[in-house]
Protein backbone atom coordinates (compact mmCIF):
# COMPACT_ATOMS: atom_id res chain seq x y z
CA UNK A 1 -2.83 -72.23 -24.67
CA UNK A 2 -1.74 -68.74 -23.65
CA UNK A 3 1.04 -67.43 -21.41
CA UNK A 4 0.88 -63.81 -20.27
CA UNK A 5 4.08 -62.08 -19.16
CA UNK A 6 3.53 -59.21 -16.73
CA UNK A 7 5.89 -56.79 -15.01
CA UNK A 8 5.37 -56.95 -11.24
CA UNK A 9 7.05 -53.71 -10.27
CA UNK A 10 7.87 -50.45 -12.01
CA UNK A 11 8.54 -51.61 -15.54
CA UNK A 12 12.20 -52.62 -15.85
CA UNK A 13 12.07 -56.17 -14.50
CA UNK A 14 13.71 -57.89 -17.49
CA UNK A 15 10.54 -59.17 -19.14
CA UNK A 16 12.17 -59.38 -22.56
CA UNK A 17 14.59 -62.10 -21.45
CA UNK A 18 11.73 -64.33 -20.27
CA UNK A 19 9.67 -63.64 -23.37
CA UNK A 20 12.73 -64.64 -25.34
CA UNK A 21 13.27 -67.79 -23.25
CA UNK A 22 9.71 -69.10 -23.35
CA UNK A 23 8.87 -67.48 -26.66
CA UNK A 24 10.74 -70.34 -28.30
CA UNK A 25 7.73 -72.52 -27.47
CA UNK A 26 5.21 -69.94 -28.67
CA UNK A 27 4.00 -69.58 -32.22
CA UNK A 28 2.86 -65.98 -31.77
CA UNK A 29 4.03 -63.26 -29.36
CA UNK A 30 1.56 -60.38 -28.98
CA UNK A 31 2.22 -57.03 -27.32
CA UNK A 32 -0.98 -55.76 -25.77
CA UNK A 33 -0.20 -52.18 -24.66
CA UNK A 34 2.40 -49.44 -24.69
CA UNK A 35 4.53 -48.15 -27.51
CA UNK A 36 8.15 -47.37 -28.23
CA UNK A 37 8.61 -46.14 -24.66
CA UNK A 38 9.05 -49.80 -23.67
CA UNK A 39 12.64 -50.98 -23.79
CA UNK A 40 13.40 -54.68 -24.22
CA UNK A 41 16.97 -55.92 -24.25
CA UNK A 42 17.33 -59.46 -25.59
CA UNK A 43 20.68 -61.27 -25.70
CA UNK A 44 21.02 -64.19 -28.13
CA UNK A 45 24.35 -66.04 -28.45
CA UNK A 46 26.15 -62.99 -27.11
CA UNK A 47 24.37 -60.70 -29.59
CA UNK A 48 22.43 -57.89 -27.93
CA UNK A 49 19.20 -56.62 -29.46
CA UNK A 50 17.62 -53.47 -28.05
CA UNK A 51 13.97 -53.30 -29.06
CA UNK A 52 11.39 -50.70 -28.12
CA UNK A 53 8.44 -51.68 -30.33
CA UNK A 54 9.03 -54.96 -32.15
CA UNK A 55 7.86 -57.82 -29.86
CA UNK A 56 10.80 -59.64 -28.28
CA UNK A 57 9.84 -62.96 -29.89
CA UNK A 58 10.85 -61.60 -33.30
CA UNK A 59 14.48 -62.32 -32.45
CA UNK A 60 13.56 -66.02 -32.35
CA UNK A 61 11.62 -66.07 -35.58
CA UNK A 62 8.15 -65.90 -34.05
CA UNK A 63 5.20 -63.94 -35.43
CA UNK A 64 4.99 -60.67 -33.50
CA UNK A 65 1.64 -58.90 -33.13
CA UNK A 66 1.16 -55.32 -31.92
CA UNK A 67 -2.35 -55.42 -30.51
CA UNK A 68 -5.05 -52.79 -30.53
CA UNK A 69 -3.99 -51.70 -27.04
CA UNK A 70 -0.64 -50.52 -28.40
CA UNK A 71 0.22 -47.12 -29.81
CA UNK A 72 2.50 -47.40 -32.81
CA UNK A 73 5.11 -45.05 -34.20
CA UNK A 74 5.51 -46.40 -37.76
CA UNK A 75 8.93 -44.78 -38.16
CA UNK A 76 10.26 -46.57 -35.10
CA UNK A 77 8.69 -49.82 -36.25
CA UNK A 78 10.20 -49.65 -39.73
CA UNK A 79 13.59 -48.63 -38.32
CA UNK A 80 13.70 -51.62 -35.95
CA UNK A 81 12.50 -54.04 -38.63
CA UNK A 82 15.10 -52.74 -41.10
CA UNK A 83 17.88 -52.96 -38.51
CA UNK A 84 16.96 -56.55 -37.67
CA UNK A 85 16.98 -57.39 -41.38
CA UNK A 86 20.43 -55.88 -41.69
CA UNK A 87 21.55 -58.27 -38.94
CA UNK A 88 20.26 -61.27 -40.85
CA UNK A 89 16.83 -61.66 -39.23
CA UNK A 90 13.45 -61.63 -40.96
CA UNK A 91 10.97 -60.36 -38.35
CA UNK A 92 7.32 -61.14 -39.09
CA UNK A 93 5.38 -58.30 -37.45
CA UNK A 94 1.61 -57.74 -37.71
CA UNK A 95 -0.24 -54.63 -36.56
CA UNK A 96 -3.78 -54.44 -35.26
CA UNK A 97 -5.85 -52.20 -37.50
CA UNK A 98 -7.45 -50.86 -34.32
CA UNK A 99 -4.10 -49.79 -32.83
CA UNK A 100 -3.57 -46.03 -32.65
CA UNK A 101 -0.78 -44.23 -34.49
CA UNK A 102 1.71 -41.92 -32.79
CA UNK A 103 1.81 -38.84 -34.99
CA UNK A 104 4.61 -36.25 -35.13
CA UNK A 105 2.48 -33.69 -33.31
CA UNK A 106 2.06 -36.13 -30.41
CA UNK A 107 5.82 -36.20 -29.87
CA UNK A 108 6.08 -32.40 -30.02
CA UNK A 109 3.23 -31.93 -27.56
CA UNK A 110 4.62 -34.59 -25.23
CA UNK A 111 7.88 -32.68 -24.92
CA UNK A 112 6.11 -29.36 -24.42
CA UNK A 113 3.75 -30.68 -21.74
CA UNK A 114 6.45 -32.56 -19.84
CA UNK A 115 8.65 -29.46 -19.82
CA UNK A 116 5.73 -27.46 -18.46
CA UNK A 117 5.41 -29.98 -15.60
CA UNK A 118 9.15 -30.24 -14.94
CA UNK A 119 9.11 -27.87 -11.97
CA UNK A 120 6.04 -29.47 -10.39
CA UNK A 121 5.27 -32.69 -8.55
CA UNK A 122 3.35 -33.91 -11.61
CA UNK A 123 6.46 -34.68 -13.67
CA UNK A 124 5.99 -38.32 -14.64
CA UNK A 125 9.40 -38.74 -16.26
CA UNK A 126 8.02 -39.68 -19.66
CA UNK A 127 10.25 -40.71 -22.56
CA UNK A 128 8.89 -37.84 -24.68
CA UNK A 129 7.86 -40.22 -27.45
CA UNK A 130 4.26 -39.13 -27.72
CA UNK A 131 2.76 -42.09 -25.88
CA UNK A 132 0.57 -40.14 -23.45
CA UNK A 133 -0.82 -37.65 -25.99
CA UNK A 134 -1.69 -40.53 -28.34
CA UNK A 135 -3.63 -42.33 -25.64
CA UNK A 136 -5.32 -39.02 -24.76
CA UNK A 137 -6.51 -38.71 -28.36
CA UNK A 138 -7.66 -42.32 -28.32
CA UNK A 139 -9.86 -41.70 -25.29
CA UNK A 140 -10.94 -38.32 -26.70
CA UNK A 141 -12.12 -40.05 -29.91
CA UNK A 142 -9.86 -37.97 -32.15
CA UNK A 143 -7.12 -40.51 -32.72
CA UNK A 144 -5.82 -41.92 -35.98
CA UNK A 145 -5.67 -45.71 -36.18
CA UNK A 146 -3.55 -48.04 -38.25
CA UNK A 147 -6.59 -48.95 -40.34
CA UNK A 148 -7.10 -45.27 -41.20
CA UNK A 149 -3.71 -45.19 -42.95
CA UNK A 150 -5.00 -47.78 -45.41
CA UNK A 151 -7.83 -45.53 -46.61
CA UNK A 152 -6.60 -42.15 -47.99
CA UNK A 153 -10.04 -40.51 -47.78
CA UNK A 154 -10.49 -41.48 -44.13
CA UNK A 155 -6.92 -40.43 -43.32
CA UNK A 156 -7.44 -36.96 -44.78
CA UNK A 157 -10.75 -36.58 -42.96
CA UNK A 158 -9.16 -37.53 -39.64
CA UNK A 159 -6.22 -35.16 -40.16
CA UNK A 160 -8.41 -32.23 -41.17
CA UNK A 161 -10.36 -32.69 -37.96
CA UNK A 162 -7.56 -33.12 -35.44
CA UNK A 163 -4.54 -31.19 -36.74
CA UNK A 164 -6.04 -27.68 -36.42
CA UNK A 165 -6.85 -28.49 -32.79
CA UNK A 166 -3.29 -29.58 -32.12
CA UNK A 167 -1.83 -26.58 -33.90
CA UNK A 168 -4.01 -24.22 -31.84
CA UNK A 169 -2.94 -25.99 -28.64
CA UNK A 170 0.75 -25.63 -29.50
CA UNK A 171 0.56 -22.04 -30.72
CA UNK A 172 -2.15 -20.44 -28.61
CA UNK A 173 -1.73 -22.27 -25.31
CA UNK A 174 1.98 -23.08 -25.22
CA UNK A 175 3.19 -20.30 -27.52
CA UNK A 176 5.26 -22.65 -29.69
CA UNK A 177 5.94 -22.02 -33.36
CA UNK A 178 4.73 -25.00 -35.39
CA UNK A 179 6.06 -26.67 -38.51
CA UNK A 180 5.38 -29.69 -40.70
CA UNK A 181 4.38 -31.74 -37.66
CA UNK A 182 1.17 -29.69 -37.68
CA UNK A 183 0.65 -29.38 -41.45
CA UNK A 184 -2.28 -31.42 -42.80
CA UNK A 185 -0.93 -31.82 -46.31
CA UNK A 186 2.57 -32.83 -45.24
CA UNK A 187 1.20 -35.36 -42.75
CA UNK A 188 -1.25 -36.73 -45.29
CA UNK A 189 1.45 -37.43 -47.88
CA UNK A 190 3.83 -39.00 -45.35
CA UNK A 191 1.29 -41.25 -43.64
CA UNK A 192 -0.52 -42.24 -46.83
CA UNK A 193 2.85 -43.63 -47.98
CA UNK A 194 3.26 -45.42 -44.67
CA UNK A 195 -0.17 -46.97 -45.15
CA UNK A 196 0.90 -48.16 -48.60
CA UNK A 197 3.95 -49.91 -47.09
CA UNK A 198 1.72 -51.57 -44.49
CA UNK A 199 -0.52 -52.82 -47.30
CA UNK A 200 2.34 -53.88 -49.58
CA UNK A 201 3.95 -55.94 -46.81
CA UNK A 202 0.56 -57.27 -45.62
CA UNK A 203 1.36 -56.19 -42.07
CA UNK A 204 -2.10 -55.30 -40.74
CA UNK A 205 -4.64 -57.67 -39.17
CA UNK A 206 -7.84 -57.67 -37.19
CA UNK A 207 -5.95 -58.71 -34.05
CA UNK A 208 -8.79 -60.42 -32.18
CA UNK A 209 -9.77 -62.53 -35.19
CA UNK A 210 -6.16 -63.30 -36.09
CA UNK A 211 -5.16 -64.44 -32.60
CA UNK A 212 -8.35 -66.41 -32.02
CA UNK A 213 -7.87 -68.23 -35.31
CA UNK A 214 -4.31 -69.11 -34.33
CA UNK A 215 -5.48 -70.44 -30.96
CA UNK A 216 -8.28 -72.42 -32.60
CA UNK A 217 -5.64 -73.99 -34.85
CA UNK A 218 -3.80 -75.19 -31.77
CA UNK A 219 -1.04 -72.60 -31.77
CA UNK A 220 0.62 -71.36 -28.60
CA UNK A 221 0.28 -67.61 -27.96
CA UNK A 222 2.29 -65.47 -25.58
CA UNK A 223 0.99 -62.09 -24.47
CA UNK A 224 3.75 -59.60 -23.69
CA UNK A 225 3.10 -56.60 -21.46
CA UNK A 226 5.25 -53.48 -21.38
CA UNK A 227 6.11 -51.47 -18.25
CA UNK A 228 4.86 -52.84 -14.91
CA UNK A 229 1.92 -53.17 -12.53
CA UNK A 230 2.81 -50.22 -10.32
CA UNK A 231 2.75 -47.83 -13.27
CA UNK A 232 -0.57 -49.15 -14.60
CA UNK A 233 -2.93 -46.23 -15.28
CA UNK A 234 -5.58 -47.77 -12.97
CA UNK A 235 -3.57 -49.83 -10.49
CA UNK A 236 -0.32 -47.89 -10.28
CA UNK A 237 1.13 -44.96 -8.38
CA UNK A 238 -0.97 -42.31 -10.11
CA UNK A 239 -0.04 -39.79 -11.55
CA UNK A 240 3.48 -41.28 -11.97
CA UNK A 241 2.11 -43.90 -14.33
CA UNK A 242 2.01 -44.91 -17.96
CA UNK A 243 -1.10 -44.31 -20.08
CA UNK A 244 -2.28 -47.91 -20.47
CA UNK A 245 -2.87 -51.17 -18.58
CA UNK A 246 0.25 -53.38 -18.25
CA UNK A 247 -1.68 -55.67 -15.88
CA UNK A 248 -2.92 -59.06 -17.08
CA UNK A 249 -6.42 -57.76 -17.82
CA UNK A 250 -4.86 -55.61 -20.53
CA UNK A 251 -3.94 -58.77 -22.43
CA UNK A 252 -7.62 -59.29 -23.22
CA UNK A 253 -8.62 -55.69 -23.80
CA UNK A 254 -5.47 -54.93 -25.79
CA UNK A 255 -5.74 -57.85 -28.21
CA UNK A 256 -9.41 -58.72 -28.60
CA UNK A 257 -8.98 -62.21 -27.11
CA UNK A 258 -11.59 -62.94 -24.45
CA UNK A 259 -10.71 -62.75 -20.74
CA UNK A 260 -11.75 -66.37 -20.21
CA UNK A 261 -9.11 -67.40 -22.75
CA UNK A 262 -6.40 -65.40 -20.99
CA UNK A 263 -7.62 -66.61 -17.61
CA UNK A 264 -7.35 -70.27 -18.59
CA UNK A 265 -3.68 -69.79 -19.40
CA UNK A 266 -0.61 -68.97 -17.34
CA UNK A 267 0.10 -65.49 -15.96
CA UNK A 268 3.75 -65.13 -14.99
CA UNK A 269 4.92 -62.17 -12.92
CA UNK A 270 8.44 -60.96 -13.66
CA UNK A 271 10.25 -59.69 -10.56
CA UNK A 272 13.59 -58.00 -10.20
CA UNK A 273 15.39 -59.20 -7.05
CA UNK A 274 15.62 -55.58 -5.91
CA UNK A 275 13.75 -52.45 -6.98
CA UNK A 276 14.62 -49.89 -9.63
CA UNK A 277 12.79 -46.99 -11.20
CA UNK A 278 13.26 -44.20 -13.71
CA UNK A 279 11.35 -41.04 -12.87
CA UNK A 280 10.01 -39.12 -9.92
CA UNK A 281 7.55 -40.11 -7.21
CA UNK A 282 7.73 -41.93 -3.87
CA UNK A 283 9.86 -45.05 -3.42
CA UNK A 284 9.68 -46.23 0.23
CA UNK A 285 12.54 -48.77 0.04
CA UNK A 286 14.88 -46.50 -1.95
CA UNK A 287 18.56 -46.59 -1.00
CA UNK A 288 19.39 -42.96 -0.20
CA UNK A 289 21.50 -41.02 2.25
CA UNK A 290 24.05 -43.34 3.87
CA UNK A 291 23.05 -46.06 1.38
CA UNK A 292 23.77 -44.07 -1.78
CA UNK A 293 27.14 -45.79 -2.28
CA UNK A 294 25.40 -49.17 -2.17
CA UNK A 295 22.79 -47.91 -4.64
CA UNK A 296 25.57 -46.80 -7.01
CA UNK A 297 27.21 -50.23 -6.77
CA UNK A 298 23.96 -52.08 -7.54
CA UNK A 299 23.14 -49.64 -10.36
CA UNK A 300 26.49 -50.20 -12.06
CA UNK A 301 26.56 -53.95 -11.52
CA UNK A 302 22.98 -54.39 -12.68
CA UNK A 303 23.26 -51.99 -15.62
CA UNK A 304 20.40 -49.95 -14.25
CA UNK A 305 20.09 -47.34 -16.97
CA UNK A 306 16.93 -46.94 -19.04
CA UNK A 307 16.94 -48.96 -22.29
CA UNK A 308 15.09 -46.19 -24.13
CA UNK A 309 16.31 -43.05 -22.32
CA UNK A 310 19.69 -44.06 -20.87
CA UNK A 311 18.69 -42.37 -17.61
CA UNK A 312 20.11 -43.85 -14.37
CA UNK A 313 17.47 -45.72 -12.41
CA UNK A 314 16.76 -45.16 -8.74
CA UNK A 315 17.57 -48.23 -6.62
CA UNK A 316 15.80 -49.75 -3.62
CA UNK A 317 15.35 -53.00 -1.74
CA UNK A 318 12.69 -55.40 -2.95
CA UNK A 319 9.26 -54.06 -1.97
CA UNK A 320 6.98 -56.91 -0.88
CA UNK A 321 3.78 -54.84 -0.43
CA UNK A 322 4.21 -53.82 -4.07
CA UNK A 323 4.54 -57.48 -5.10
CA UNK A 324 1.52 -58.56 -3.06
CA UNK A 325 -0.49 -55.83 -4.79
CA UNK A 326 0.74 -57.05 -8.17
CA UNK A 327 -0.13 -60.66 -7.37
CA UNK A 328 -3.70 -59.70 -6.50
CA UNK A 329 -4.17 -57.43 -9.53
CA UNK A 330 -2.80 -60.00 -11.98
CA UNK A 331 -3.54 -63.41 -10.51
CA UNK A 332 -0.03 -64.79 -10.95
CA UNK A 333 0.32 -68.51 -11.56
CA UNK A 334 4.11 -68.30 -11.38
CA UNK A 335 7.07 -65.97 -10.86
CA UNK A 336 10.36 -65.33 -12.61
CA UNK A 337 12.95 -63.55 -10.45
CA UNK A 338 15.69 -61.71 -12.35
CA UNK A 339 19.04 -60.18 -11.36
CA UNK A 340 19.56 -62.48 -8.40
CA UNK A 341 23.28 -62.43 -9.23
CA UNK A 342 23.46 -58.67 -8.70
CA UNK A 343 22.83 -59.13 -4.96
CA UNK A 344 25.69 -61.63 -4.61
CA UNK A 345 28.67 -60.51 -2.58
CA UNK A 346 26.89 -57.68 -0.77
CA UNK A 347 27.52 -57.05 2.91
CA UNK A 348 23.77 -56.95 3.50
CA UNK A 349 20.59 -58.01 1.73
CA UNK A 350 17.28 -56.60 2.88
CA UNK A 351 13.64 -56.63 1.82
CA UNK A 352 10.83 -54.21 2.55
CA UNK A 353 8.52 -56.79 4.17
CA UNK A 354 5.72 -54.37 5.07
CA UNK A 355 4.97 -50.68 5.67
CA UNK A 356 4.08 -48.69 8.72
CA UNK A 357 1.50 -45.96 8.11
CA UNK A 358 0.14 -43.93 11.02
CA UNK A 359 1.13 -46.67 13.44
CA UNK A 360 -0.50 -49.47 11.43
CA UNK A 361 1.34 -52.26 9.62
CA UNK A 362 0.34 -52.61 5.95
CA UNK A 363 1.13 -55.70 3.89
CA UNK A 364 0.06 -54.13 0.58
CA UNK A 365 0.14 -50.74 -1.10
CA UNK A 366 -2.37 -48.04 -0.15
CA UNK A 367 -4.70 -46.89 -2.92
CA UNK A 368 -3.29 -43.37 -3.29
CA UNK A 369 0.26 -42.37 -4.09
CA UNK A 370 0.23 -39.69 -1.41
CA UNK A 371 -0.50 -42.31 1.25
CA UNK A 372 2.15 -44.58 -0.26
CA UNK A 373 4.68 -41.77 0.04
CA UNK A 374 3.91 -41.54 3.76
CA UNK A 375 4.72 -45.22 4.31
CA UNK A 376 7.85 -46.26 6.18
CA UNK A 377 9.30 -49.62 5.16
CA UNK A 378 9.77 -52.39 7.68
CA UNK A 379 12.96 -54.05 6.50
CA UNK A 380 13.73 -57.73 6.94
CA UNK A 381 17.37 -58.79 6.66
CA UNK A 382 18.51 -61.98 4.91
CA UNK A 383 21.69 -63.98 5.03
CA UNK A 384 23.98 -62.90 2.23
CA UNK A 385 25.48 -65.14 -0.45
CA UNK A 386 28.82 -65.09 -2.21
CA UNK A 387 29.62 -64.64 -5.87
CA UNK A 388 29.67 -67.92 -7.78
CA UNK A 389 30.07 -69.04 -11.36
CA UNK A 390 26.57 -68.06 -12.43
CA UNK A 391 26.94 -69.58 -15.91
CA UNK A 392 27.64 -72.92 -14.20
CA UNK A 393 24.65 -72.42 -11.92
CA UNK A 394 22.41 -71.80 -14.91
CA UNK A 395 23.67 -75.00 -16.50
CA UNK A 396 23.36 -77.13 -13.35
CA UNK A 397 19.91 -75.93 -12.28
CA UNK A 398 18.01 -74.56 -9.29
CA UNK A 399 19.77 -76.63 -6.62
CA UNK A 400 23.09 -75.04 -7.63
CA UNK A 401 21.87 -71.61 -6.52
CA UNK A 402 23.51 -70.73 -3.17
CA UNK A 403 21.39 -71.86 -0.22
CA UNK A 404 20.94 -68.33 1.17
CA UNK A 405 19.72 -67.11 -2.22
CA UNK A 406 17.25 -70.01 -2.38
CA UNK A 407 15.95 -68.97 1.05
CA UNK A 408 15.43 -65.49 -0.38
CA UNK A 409 13.51 -66.92 -3.36
CA UNK A 410 11.42 -69.18 -1.11
CA UNK A 411 10.42 -66.14 0.93
CA UNK A 412 9.33 -64.22 -2.17
CA UNK A 413 7.35 -67.17 -3.49
CA UNK A 414 5.59 -67.78 -0.17
CA UNK A 415 4.68 -64.12 0.35
CA UNK A 416 3.31 -63.72 -3.19
CA UNK A 417 1.58 -67.09 -3.25
CA UNK A 418 3.03 -68.28 -6.55
CA UNK A 419 5.82 -70.76 -7.36
CA UNK A 420 9.16 -69.83 -8.90
CA UNK A 421 9.23 -70.66 -12.62
CA UNK A 422 12.63 -69.19 -13.46
CA UNK A 423 15.58 -67.31 -11.96
CA UNK A 424 17.69 -64.89 -13.98
CA UNK A 425 21.39 -64.96 -13.05
CA UNK A 426 22.74 -63.03 -16.03
CA UNK A 427 21.62 -61.13 -19.14
CA UNK A 428 21.80 -63.96 -21.68
CA UNK A 429 18.95 -66.43 -22.15
CA UNK A 430 21.42 -69.21 -21.29
CA UNK A 431 21.94 -67.52 -17.90
CA UNK A 432 18.42 -68.25 -16.75
CA UNK A 433 17.66 -71.13 -14.40
CA UNK A 434 14.42 -72.58 -15.72
CA UNK A 435 12.36 -74.43 -13.11
CA UNK A 436 9.05 -74.65 -14.99
CA UNK A 437 8.18 -73.92 -18.60
CA UNK A 438 4.67 -72.43 -18.42
CA UNK A 439 3.82 -73.85 -21.85
CA UNK A 440 4.31 -77.34 -20.39
CA UNK A 441 1.76 -76.93 -17.59
């Protein structure tokens, strides 16, 4: 069977911890979109692993697949694999031959373009890692794919076509002096060698065939999305979005496994018990003004700083219209709610139950970001709960969660229309209250 893990909010919900928890019952964990802009922090026996490209399941000895929907920076990939090996792990990572490669010129252009937008409302707060420009080249049919690195003649042909265009863009449009990142011969030699390492280590696969064969053999496959529903290129708060589809439909498109296969499995939405975001754009439930001190407290307690960038995240109350939108777009069969412990001990706990827009109550997000920015949240207050021994709670189970916190979880489950599968009460896998293992359903 398959289990698809999807971010329900703005991309920092703690998906890696749940992939790590349930990935122990999977044989293969496949990333289906995104690149090394996706930060996953996995804690195993007190050891912290910060991953941005290697699928989280690699920490638990599972086969990790980077699907065709991903964009891959080989240098980042090799660096993470080598670091894991130095720590005594042997990650087994396969790359889809149809996945696109992040080239050095993509990273340069990403930084240039984001700087050009920095004084405008179009600043998306990218990580500057070349993700967007790589997806642009993919759609523009001028990209370089993993499979191209295995064939020197094809690689040279692709580079000779695209690099002069990129050099002209940097020099003539942005007025930037270019270097080896825009030199055909230098890129050819470097990436031909990368292709040779891929071949030597037998890392590349036809992802759709590989995953289908594993499923046909009775293996369990987990699909791992990066980022979150509300920054999906189609279903998110455009233009403050990523360049791919983190929603559950991306699991099919981004791996080559049919949508009926994904649809017959479990789709679990990962929810943070409050809201956080890196980057600009509207955020109706954001804690600002008189609530900034509370936002600072939650940020520090929850460690709300970007895994990849280190940037402080903006903080807000849980946004239920956002979650209802995510539930519809993904078809959740279950929910995992993380960081419930962070809300313990507060003087108040609130939720954005709905919006008011031009005198009308909305239970879900409007289609355009401009309209979303005009929404006023209708806050619902909940009874607070005290700090407890969360490690003991995780060991004892769901009924040990404070009653007021369980009321909060019941509300979320009822509004979204999906049962609670797990509750995160700390960063370690052992600090997760598991209610249902989706692989057992």
